[in-house]
């Protein structure tokens, strides 16, 4: 039994890309069917359709040493920059618009609705710049996991 498990694991390690592509195709079909049957909203199938191939490409090319710095830059600046910008945006929006002492609290509703998403642009820029500086300081090396 141990030999069968080891053999199937070795086969999976060699052909992981095909498993990932098959999982992408099946989840995409399932999510779009669920959307058309009105079980889920539109965001889930669209995010699955767009982000899953990007994750497969990053995982495939991230294993090669010549693409390691590029993939690390994309992940640090793009993904971690966005993940850092969301809490920054929420805090900034609360301090500037929502709080009782906020300077822009008296704005009309249509200007508040315009100002909130536009506030995301500078916070993402700041977070991406911070992550760029962190990556440059580390010489774009990913953290050692082994």
Foldseek 3Di string as FASTA:
>chain_A
DVVVVVVVVVVCVVVVLVVLVVVLVVVLVVVVVCVVVPVDDDPVNVCSNPVSVVVSVLVVVCVDVVCVLVSLLCCQLPVVLLVQLVVVLVVVCCQQAPDPVHPNPPPDPVVNVVVSVVSSVVSSVVSSVVSVVVCVVVVSDDDDPD
